[in-house]
Amino acid sequence: MKILSLKVSDTLDHRLTSVASSRKSTKSEVIREALAAFLDHAGKGQDGSALILAKDLAGSIAGPADLSVNPAHLKQFGRPLRRKRTGVR
């Protein structure tokens, strides 16, 4: 078994000591279990593009399909919105 040293904050050390004590285990064993669990799940996040992750929302709003390629929609981009004047002051 390899030896690994690490630095932890006082708060984390107190929490680790508490968990190890309640499990009647050592801090090293708790850290090994936590690290193994972390590594088992690392990289197993949600796969796919933003469209796949939001597929239930795609198409739920009416309007042009893609504003990024239509120059007419970009004409006022970055400029303050002009509000239409009404006859009431």
PDB file of N, CA and C in Angstrom:
ATOM      1  N   MET A   1       0.856  -1.170   0.000  1.00  0.00           N
ATOM      2  CA  MET A   1       0.000   0.000   0.000  1.00  0.00           C
ATOM      3  C   MET A   1       0.904   1.235   0.000  1.00  0.00           C
ATOM      4  N   LYS A   2       0.577   2.203  -0.830  1.00  0.00           N
ATOM      5  CA  LYS A   2       1.343   3.447  -0.930  1.00  0.00           C
ATOM      6  C   LYS A   2       0.956   4.392   0.199  1.00  0.00           C
ATOM      7  N   ILE A   3       1.867   5.263   0.553  1.00  0.00           N
ATOM      8  CA  ILE A   3       1.609   6.286   1.572  1.00  0.00           C
ATOM      9  C   ILE A   3       1.388   7.609   0.863  1.00  0.00           C
ATOM     10  N   LEU A   4       0.355   8.319   1.276  1.00  0.00           N
ATOM     11  CA  LEU A   4       0.001   9.611   0.696  1.00  0.00           C
ATOM     12  C   LEU A   4      -0.206  10.604   1.830  1.00  0.00           C
ATOM     13  N   SER A   5       0.390  11.762   1.697  1.00  0.00           N
ATOM     14  CA  SER A   5       0.209  12.811   2.705  1.00  0.00           C
ATOM     15  C   SER A   5      -0.667  13.898   2.115  1.00  0.00           C
ATOM     16  N   LEU A   6      -1.517  14.483   2.935  1.00  0.00           N
ATOM     17  CA  LEU A   6      -2.316  15.611   2.486  1.00  0.00           C
ATOM     18  C   LEU A   6      -2.580  16.550   3.642  1.00  0.00           C
ATOM     19  N   LYS A   7      -2.847  17.786   3.296  1.00  0.00           N
ATOM     20  CA  LYS A   7      -3.151  18.797   4.300  1.00  0.00           C
ATOM     21  C   LYS A   7      -4.641  19.072   4.263  1.00  0.00           C
ATOM     22  N   VAL A   8      -5.237  19.161   5.441  1.00  0.00           N
ATOM     23  CA  VAL A   8      -6.663  19.479   5.541  1.00  0.00           C
ATOM     24  C   VAL A   8      -6.845  20.595   6.558  1.00  0.00           C
ATOM     25  N   SER A   9      -7.927  21.303   6.412  1.00  0.00           N
ATOM     26  CA  SER A   9      -8.222  22.376   7.363  1.00  0.00           C
ATOM     27  C   SER A   9      -8.607  21.772   8.714  1.00  0.00           C
ATOM     28  N   ASP A  10      -8.567  22.605   9.746  1.00  0.00           N
ATOM     29  CA  ASP A  10      -8.959  22.138  11.083  1.00  0.00           C
ATOM     30  C   ASP A  10     -10.405  21.651  11.081  1.00  0.00           C
ATOM     31  N   THR A  11     -11.257  22.365  10.380  1.00  0.00           N
ATOM     32  CA  THR A  11     -12.680  21.991  10.318  1.00  0.00           C
ATOM     33  C   THR A  11     -12.836  20.623   9.677  1.00  0.00           C
ATOM     34  N   LEU A  12     -12.167  20.401   8.555  1.00  0.00           N
ATOM     35  CA  LEU A  12     -12.254  19.117   7.871  1.00  0.00           C
ATOM     36  C   LEU A  12     -11.676  17.999   8.731  1.00  0.00           C
ATOM     37  N   ASP A  13     -10.605  18.287   9.452  1.00  0.00           N
ATOM     38  CA  ASP A  13     -10.017  17.282  10.341  1.00  0.00           C
ATOM     39  C   ASP A  13     -10.986  16.907  11.458  1.00  0.00           C
ATOM     40  N   HIS A  14     -11.678  17.890  12.011  1.00  0.00           N
ATOM     41  CA  HIS A  14     -12.656  17.598  13.074  1.00  0.00           C
ATOM     42  C   HIS A  14     -13.801  16.749  12.526  1.00  0.00           C
ATOM     43  N   ARG A  15     -14.252  17.085  11.325  1.00  0.00           N
ATOM     44  CA  ARG A  15     -15.334  16.299  10.716  1.00  0.00           C
ATOM     45  C   ARG A  15     -14.874  14.879  10.436  1.00  0.00           C
ATOM     46  N   LEU A  16     -13.658  14.743   9.917  1.00  0.00           N
ATOM     47  CA  LEU A  16     -13.099  13.439   9.616  1.00  0.00           C
ATOM     48  C   LEU A  16     -12.939  12.602  10.884  1.00  0.00           C
ATOM     49  N   THR A  17     -12.443  13.224  11.920  1.00  0.00           N
ATOM     50  CA  THR A  17     -12.280  12.532  13.203  1.00  0.00           C
ATOM     51  C   THR A  17     -13.626  12.058  13.731  1.00  0.00           C
ATOM     52  N   SER A  18     -14.640  12.897  13.604  1.00  0.00           N
ATOM     53  CA  SER A  18     -15.977  12.552  14.083  1.00  0.00           C
ATOM     54  C   SER A  18     -16.551  11.355  13.317  1.00  0.00           C
ATOM     55  N   VAL A  19     -16.414  11.374  11.993  1.00  0.00           N
ATOM     56  CA  VAL A  19     -16.931  10.268  11.182  1.00  0.00           C
ATOM     57  C   VAL A  19     -16.170   8.979  11.487  1.00  0.00           C
ATOM     58  N   ALA A  20     -14.862   9.061  11.563  1.00  0.00           N
ATOM     59  CA  ALA A  20     -14.053   7.875  11.858  1.00  0.00           C
ATOM     60  C   ALA A  20     -14.419   7.294  13.218  1.00  0.00           C
ATOM     61  N   SER A  21     -14.617   8.167  14.184  1.00  0.00           N
ATOM     62  CA  SER A  21     -14.980   7.717  15.532  1.00  0.00           C
ATOM     63  C   SER A  21     -16.342   7.030  15.543  1.00  0.00           C
ATOM     64  N   SER A  22     -17.311   7.637  14.841  1.00  0.00           N
ATOM     65  CA  SER A  22     -18.663   7.063  14.832  1.00  0.00           C
ATOM     66  C   SER A  22     -18.694   5.719  14.094  1.00  0.00           C
ATOM     67  N   ARG A  23     -17.806   5.514  13.134  1.00  0.00           N
ATOM     68  CA  ARG A  23     -17.723   4.245  12.411  1.00  0.00           C
ATOM     69  C   ARG A  23     -16.785   3.248  13.086  1.00  0.00           C
ATOM     70  N   LYS A  24     -16.133   3.704  14.151  1.00  0.00           N
ATOM     71  CA  LYS A  24     -15.129   2.882  14.825  1.00  0.00           C
ATOM     72  C   LYS A  24     -14.077   2.429  13.808  1.00  0.00           C
ATOM     73  N   SER A  25     -13.586   3.413  13.074  1.00  0.00           N
ATOM     74  CA  SER A  25     -12.618   3.183  12.018  1.00  0.00           C
ATOM     75  C   SER A  25     -11.497   4.202  12.146  1.00  0.00           C
ATOM     76  N   THR A  26     -10.555   4.151  11.230  1.00  0.00           N
ATOM     77  CA  THR A  26      -9.481   5.142  11.246  1.00  0.00           C
ATOM     78  C   THR A  26      -9.789   6.235  10.215  1.00  0.00           C
ATOM     79  N   LYS A  27      -9.106   7.357  10.382  1.00  0.00           N
ATOM     80  CA  LYS A  27      -9.263   8.439   9.414  1.00  0.00           C
ATOM     81  C   LYS A  27      -8.804   7.972   8.032  1.00  0.00           C
ATOM     82  N   SER A  28      -7.737   7.194   8.004  1.00  0.00           N
ATOM     83  CA  SER A  28      -7.221   6.691   6.729  1.00  0.00           C
ATOM     84  C   SER A  28      -8.257   5.857   5.994  1.00  0.00           C
ATOM     85  N   GLU A  29      -8.961   5.004   6.716  1.00  0.00           N
ATOM     86  CA  GLU A  29      -9.976   4.153   6.097  1.00  0.00           C
ATOM     87  C   GLU A  29     -11.135   4.998   5.551  1.00  0.00           C
ATOM     88  N   VAL A  30     -11.543   5.997   6.296  1.00  0.00           N
ATOM     89  CA  VAL A  30     -12.617   6.882   5.834  1.00  0.00           C
ATOM     90  C   VAL A  30     -12.181   7.622   4.568  1.00  0.00           C
ATOM     91  N   ILE A  31     -10.960   8.104   4.558  1.00  0.00           N
ATOM     92  CA  ILE A  31     -10.446   8.814   3.384  1.00  0.00           C
ATOM     93  C   ILE A  31     -10.351   7.882   2.187  1.00  0.00           C
ATOM     94  N   ARG A  32      -9.877   6.633   2.393  1.00  0.00           N
ATOM     95  CA  ARG A  32      -9.791   5.683   1.284  1.00  0.00           C
ATOM     96  C   ARG A  32     -11.165   5.403   0.695  1.00  0.00           C
ATOM     97  N   GLU A  33     -12.168   5.202   1.560  1.00  0.00           N
ATOM     98  CA  GLU A  33     -13.530   4.942   1.083  1.00  0.00           C
ATOM     99  C   GLU A  33     -14.089   6.148   0.327  1.00  0.00           C
ATOM    100  N   ALA A  34     -13.869   7.337   0.876  1.00  0.00           N
ATOM    101  CA  ALA A  34     -14.379   8.550   0.235  1.00  0.00           C
ATOM    102  C   ALA A  34     -13.701   8.777  -1.110  1.00  0.00           C
ATOM    103  N   LEU A  35     -12.399   8.556  -1.176  1.00  0.00           N
ATOM    104  CA  LEU A  35     -11.663   8.754  -2.413  1.00  0.00           C
ATOM    105  C   LEU A  35     -12.088   7.724  -3.460  1.00  0.00           C
ATOM    106  N   ALA A  36     -12.283   6.489  -3.061  1.00  0.00           N
ATOM    107  CA  ALA A  36     -12.735   5.453  -3.997  1.00  0.00           C
ATOM    108  C   ALA A  36     -14.119   5.790  -4.543  1.00  0.00           C
ATOM    109  N   ALA A  37     -15.019   6.234  -3.666  1.00  0.00           N
ATOM    110  CA  ALA A  37     -16.370   6.607  -4.113  1.00  0.00           C
ATOM    111  C   ALA A  37     -16.318   7.790  -5.073  1.00  0.00           C
ATOM    112  N   PHE A  38     -15.471   8.777  -4.769  1.00  0.00           N
ATOM    113  CA  PHE A  38     -15.330   9.940  -5.640  1.00  0.00           C
ATOM    114  C   PHE A  38     -14.811   9.521  -7.009  1.00  0.00           C
ATOM    115  N   LEU A  39     -13.779   8.700  -7.034  1.00  0.00           N
ATOM    116  CA  LEU A  39     -13.182   8.284  -8.294  1.00  0.00           C
ATOM    117  C   LEU A  39     -14.109   7.385  -9.107  1.00  0.00           C
ATOM    118  N   ASP A  40     -14.953   6.602  -8.429  1.00  0.00           N
ATOM    119  CA  ASP A  40     -15.926   5.768  -9.139  1.00  0.00           C
ATOM    120  C   ASP A  40     -16.933   6.623  -9.904  1.00  0.00           C
ATOM    121  N   HIS A  41     -17.255   7.801  -9.356  1.00  0.00           N
ATOM    122  CA  HIS A  41     -18.257   8.673  -9.981  1.00  0.00           C
ATOM    123  C   HIS A  41     -17.643   9.795 -10.810  1.00  0.00           C
ATOM    124  N   ALA A  42     -16.338   9.976 -10.735  1.00  0.00           N
ATOM    125  CA  ALA A  42     -15.684  11.056 -11.479  1.00  0.00           C
ATOM    126  C   ALA A  42     -15.810  10.781 -12.970  1.00  0.00           C
ATOM    127  N   GLY A  43     -16.181  11.817 -13.714  1.00  0.00           N
ATOM    128  CA  GLY A  43     -16.313  11.676 -15.155  1.00  0.00           C
ATOM    129  C   GLY A  43     -17.604  11.022 -15.592  1.00  0.00           C
ATOM    130  N   LYS A  44     -18.462  10.686 -14.655  1.00  0.00           N
ATOM    131  CA  LYS A  44     -19.734  10.064 -15.007  1.00  0.00           C
ATOM    132  C   LYS A  44     -20.872  11.068 -14.878  1.00  0.00           C
ATOM    133  N   GLY A  45     -20.567  12.323 -15.201  1.00  0.00           N
ATOM    134  CA  GLY A  45     -21.590  13.362 -15.140  1.00  0.00           C
ATOM    135  C   GLY A  45     -22.598  13.169 -16.247  1.00  0.00           C
ATOM    136  N   GLN A  46     -23.387  14.147 -16.460  1.00  0.00           N
ATOM    137  CA  GLN A  46     -24.393  14.066 -17.502  1.00  0.00           C
ATOM    138  C   GLN A  46     -23.713  14.150 -18.862  1.00  0.00           C
ATOM    139  N   ASP A  47     -23.992  13.175 -19.685  1.00  0.00           N
ATOM    140  CA  ASP A  47     -23.418  13.157 -21.020  1.00  0.00           C
ATOM    141  C   ASP A  47     -24.358  13.846 -21.996  1.00  0.00           C
ATOM    142  N   GLY A  48     -23.787  14.427 -23.021  1.00  0.00           N
ATOM    143  CA  GLY A  48     -24.602  14.992 -24.078  1.00  0.00           C
ATOM    144  C   GLY A  48     -24.473  16.490 -24.179  1.00  0.00           C
ATOM    145  N   SER A  49     -25.035  16.993 -25.234  1.00  0.00           N
ATOM    146  CA  SER A  49     -24.996  18.424 -25.492  1.00  0.00           C
ATOM    147  C   SER A  49     -26.054  19.136 -24.662  1.00  0.00           C
ATOM    148  N   ALA A  50     -26.014  20.444 -24.723  1.00  0.00           N
ATOM    149  CA  ALA A  50     -27.019  21.239 -24.017  1.00  0.00           C
ATOM    150  C   ALA A  50     -28.415  20.928 -24.559  1.00  0.00           C
ATOM    151  N   LEU A  51     -28.511  20.690 -25.869  1.00  0.00           N
ATOM    152  CA  LEU A  51     -29.811  20.364 -26.465  1.00  0.00           C
ATOM    153  C   LEU A  51     -30.341  19.047 -25.918  1.00  0.00           C
ATOM    154  N   ILE A  52     -29.470  18.054 -25.803  1.00  0.00           N
ATOM    155  CA  ILE A  52     -29.911  16.760 -25.272  1.00  0.00           C
ATOM    156  C   ILE A  52     -30.347  16.897 -23.818  1.00  0.00           C
ATOM    157  N   LEU A  53     -29.595  17.668 -23.037  1.00  0.00           N
ATOM    158  CA  LEU A  53     -29.939  17.841 -21.627  1.00  0.00           C
ATOM    159  C   LEU A  53     -31.224  18.642 -21.441  1.00  0.00           C
ATOM    160  N   ALA A  54     -31.555  19.504 -22.406  1.00  0.00           N
ATOM    161  CA  ALA A  54     -32.756  20.333 -22.297  1.00  0.00           C
ATOM    162  C   ALA A  54     -33.795  19.938 -23.336  1.00  0.00           C
ATOM    163  N   LYS A  55     -33.802  18.665 -23.742  1.00  0.00           N
ATOM    164  CA  LYS A  55     -34.691  18.241 -24.818  1.00  0.00           C
ATOM    165  C   LYS A  55     -36.167  18.456 -24.495  1.00  0.00           C
ATOM    166  N   ASP A  56     -36.531  18.395 -23.228  1.00  0.00           N
ATOM    167  CA  ASP A  56     -37.929  18.631 -22.882  1.00  0.00           C
ATOM    168  C   ASP A  56     -38.317  20.098 -23.027  1.00  0.00           C
ATOM    169  N   LEU A  57     -37.334  20.982 -23.094  1.00  0.00           N
ATOM    170  CA  LEU A  57     -37.609  22.407 -23.250  1.00  0.00           C
ATOM    171  C   LEU A  57     -37.489  22.863 -24.701  1.00  0.00           C
ATOM    172  N   ALA A  58     -36.765  22.120 -25.515  1.00  0.00           N
ATOM    173  CA  ALA A  58     -36.530  22.520 -26.902  1.00  0.00           C
ATOM    174  C   ALA A  58     -37.846  22.590 -27.661  1.00  0.00           C
ATOM    175  N   GLY A  59     -38.041  23.693 -28.342  1.00  0.00           N
ATOM    176  CA  GLY A  59     -39.249  23.872 -29.137  1.00  0.00           C
ATOM    177  C   GLY A  59     -40.454  24.320 -28.354  1.00  0.00           C
ATOM    178  N   SER A  60     -40.269  24.659 -27.100  1.00  0.00           N
ATOM    179  CA  SER A  60     -41.414  25.053 -26.284  1.00  0.00           C
ATOM    180  C   SER A  60     -41.738  26.536 -26.398  1.00  0.00           C
ATOM    181  N   ILE A  61     -40.916  27.280 -27.141  1.00  0.00           N
ATOM    182  CA  ILE A  61     -41.134  28.716 -27.304  1.00  0.00           C
ATOM    183  C   ILE A  61     -41.313  29.008 -28.781  1.00  0.00           C
ATOM    184  N   ALA A  62     -42.320  29.804 -29.115  1.00  0.00           N
ATOM    185  CA  ALA A  62     -42.563  30.164 -30.508  1.00  0.00           C
ATOM    186  C   ALA A  62     -41.587  31.243 -30.933  1.00  0.00           C
ATOM    187  N   GLY A  63     -41.182  31.207 -32.177  1.00  0.00           N
ATOM    188  CA  GLY A  63     -40.283  32.216 -32.698  1.00  0.00           C
ATOM    189  C   GLY A  63     -39.339  31.627 -33.715  1.00  0.00           C
ATOM    190  N   PRO A  64     -38.429  32.446 -34.231  1.00  0.00           N
ATOM    191  CA  PRO A  64     -37.474  31.947 -35.220  1.00  0.00           C
ATOM    192  C   PRO A  64     -36.634  30.803 -34.653  1.00  0.00           C
ATOM    193  N   ALA A  65     -36.258  29.897 -35.505  1.00  0.00           N
ATOM    194  CA  ALA A  65     -35.508  28.725 -35.055  1.00  0.00           C
ATOM    195  C   ALA A  65     -34.125  29.083 -34.541  1.00  0.00           C
ATOM    196  N   ASP A  66     -33.438  29.994 -35.221  1.00  0.00           N
ATOM    197  CA  ASP A  66     -32.071  30.300 -34.827  1.00  0.00           C
ATOM    198  C   ASP A  66     -31.774  31.772 -35.097  1.00  0.00           C
ATOM    199  N   LEU A  67     -31.767  32.566 -34.061  1.00  0.00           N
ATOM    200  CA  LEU A  67     -31.534  34.003 -34.197  1.00  0.00           C
ATOM    201  C   LEU A  67     -30.095  34.330 -34.578  1.00  0.00           C
ATOM    202  N   SER A  68     -29.182  33.417 -34.330  1.00  0.00           N
ATOM    203  CA  SER A  68     -27.764  33.725 -34.526  1.00  0.00           C
ATOM    204  C   SER A  68     -27.360  33.838 -35.992  1.00  0.00           C
ATOM    205  N   VAL A  69     -28.160  33.323 -36.904  1.00  0.00           N
ATOM    206  CA  VAL A  69     -27.784  33.363 -38.313  1.00  0.00           C
ATOM    207  C   VAL A  69     -28.652  34.309 -39.134  1.00  0.00           C
ATOM    208  N   ASN A  70     -29.576  34.978 -38.501  1.00  0.00           N
ATOM    209  CA  ASN A  70     -30.474  35.866 -39.223  1.00  0.00           C
ATOM    210  C   ASN A  70     -30.066  37.308 -38.958  1.00  0.00           C
ATOM    211  N   PRO A  71     -29.467  37.996 -39.960  1.00  0.00           N
ATOM    212  CA  PRO A  71     -28.990  39.358 -39.762  1.00  0.00           C
ATOM    213  C   PRO A  71     -30.090  40.333 -39.315  1.00  0.00           C
ATOM    214  N   ALA A  72     -31.320  40.089 -39.711  1.00  0.00           N
ATOM    215  CA  ALA A  72     -32.411  40.993 -39.316  1.00  0.00           C
ATOM    216  C   ALA A  72     -32.584  41.015 -37.796  1.00  0.00           C
ATOM    217  N   HIS A  73     -32.328  39.913 -37.150  1.00  0.00           N
ATOM    218  CA  HIS A  73     -32.485  39.848 -35.698  1.00  0.00           C
ATOM    219  C   HIS A  73     -31.272  40.422 -34.973  1.00  0.00           C
ATOM    220  N   LEU A  74     -30.159  40.588 -35.677  1.00  0.00           N
ATOM    221  CA  LEU A  74     -28.946  41.110 -35.062  1.00  0.00           C
ATOM    222  C   LEU A  74     -28.765  42.609 -35.272  1.00  0.00           C
ATOM    223  N   LYS A  75     -29.669  43.232 -36.028  1.00  0.00           N
ATOM    224  CA  LYS A  75     -29.529  44.643 -36.388  1.00  0.00           C
ATOM    225  C   LYS A  75     -29.392  45.535 -35.156  1.00  0.00           C
ATOM    226  N   GLN A  76     -30.170  45.313 -34.140  1.00  0.00           N
ATOM    227  CA  GLN A  76     -30.151  46.139 -32.938  1.00  0.00           C
ATOM    228  C   GLN A  76     -29.363  45.498 -31.795  1.00  0.00           C
ATOM    229  N   PHE A  77     -28.646  44.439 -32.073  1.00  0.00           N
ATOM    230  CA  PHE A  77     -27.914  43.726 -31.021  1.00  0.00           C
ATOM    231  C   PHE A  77     -26.899  44.646 -30.340  1.00  0.00           C
ATOM    232  N   GLY A  78     -26.930  44.688 -29.031  1.00  0.00           N
ATOM    233  CA  GLY A  78     -25.985  45.489 -28.260  1.00  0.00           C
ATOM    234  C   GLY A  78     -26.395  46.936 -28.075  1.00  0.00           C
ATOM    235  N   ARG A  79     -27.493  47.315 -28.654  1.00  0.00           N
ATOM    236  CA  ARG A  79     -27.974  48.691 -28.518  1.00  0.00           C
ATOM    237  C   ARG A  79     -29.131  48.713 -27.534  1.00  0.00           C
ATOM    238  N   PRO A  80     -29.313  49.850 -26.863  1.00  0.00           N
ATOM    239  CA  PRO A  80     -30.438  49.941 -25.922  1.00  0.00           C
ATOM    240  C   PRO A  80     -31.767  49.792 -26.658  1.00  0.00           C
ATOM    241  N   LEU A  81     -32.711  49.199 -25.980  1.00  0.00           N
ATOM    242  CA  LEU A  81     -34.039  49.038 -26.571  1.00  0.00           C
ATOM    243  C   LEU A  81     -34.731  50.385 -26.663  1.00  0.00           C
ATOM    244  N   ARG A  82     -35.380  50.624 -27.784  1.00  0.00           N
ATOM    245  CA  ARG A  82     -36.178  51.845 -27.951  1.00  0.00           C
ATOM    246  C   ARG A  82     -37.620  51.485 -27.692  1.00  0.00           C
ATOM    247  N   ARG A  83     -38.215  52.230 -26.816  1.00  0.00           N
ATOM    248  CA  ARG A  83     -39.614  51.979 -26.514  1.00  0.00           C
ATOM    249  C   ARG A  83     -40.475  52.848 -27.403  1.00  0.00           C
ATOM    250  N   LYS A  84     -41.569  52.287 -27.850  1.00  0.00           N
ATOM    251  CA  LYS A  84     -42.496  53.037 -28.694  1.00  0.00           C
ATOM    252  C   LYS A  84     -43.223  54.048 -27.822  1.00  0.00           C
ATOM    253  N   ARG A  85     -43.338  55.252 -28.368  1.00  0.00           N
ATOM    254  CA  ARG A  85     -44.040  56.297 -27.637  1.00  0.00           C
ATOM    255  C   ARG A  85     -45.537  56.117 -27.764  1.00  0.00           C
ATOM    256  N   THR A  86     -46.176  56.359 -26.698  1.00  0.00           N
ATOM    257  CA  THR A  86     -47.648  56.315 -26.728  1.00  0.00           C
ATOM    258  C   THR A  86     -48.148  57.740 -26.605  1.00  0.00           C
ATOM    259  N   GLY A  87     -49.400  57.960 -26.934  1.00  0.00           N
ATOM    260  CA  GLY A  87     -49.976  59.303 -26.894  1.00  0.00           C
ATOM    261  C   GLY A  87     -50.180  59.794 -25.481  1.00  0.00           C
ATOM    262  N   VAL A  88     -50.096  58.961 -24.497  1.00  0.00           N
ATOM    263  CA  VAL A  88     -50.342  59.343 -23.104  1.00  0.00           C
ATOM    264  C   VAL A  88     -49.027  59.704 -22.442  1.00  0.00           C
ATOM    265  N   ARG A  89     -49.015  60.839 -21.717  1.00  0.00           N
ATOM    266  CA  ARG A  89     -47.803  61.248 -21.009  1.00  0.00           C
ATOM    267  C   ARG A  89     -48.028  61.252 -19.536  1.00  0.00           C
TER     268      ARG A  89
END
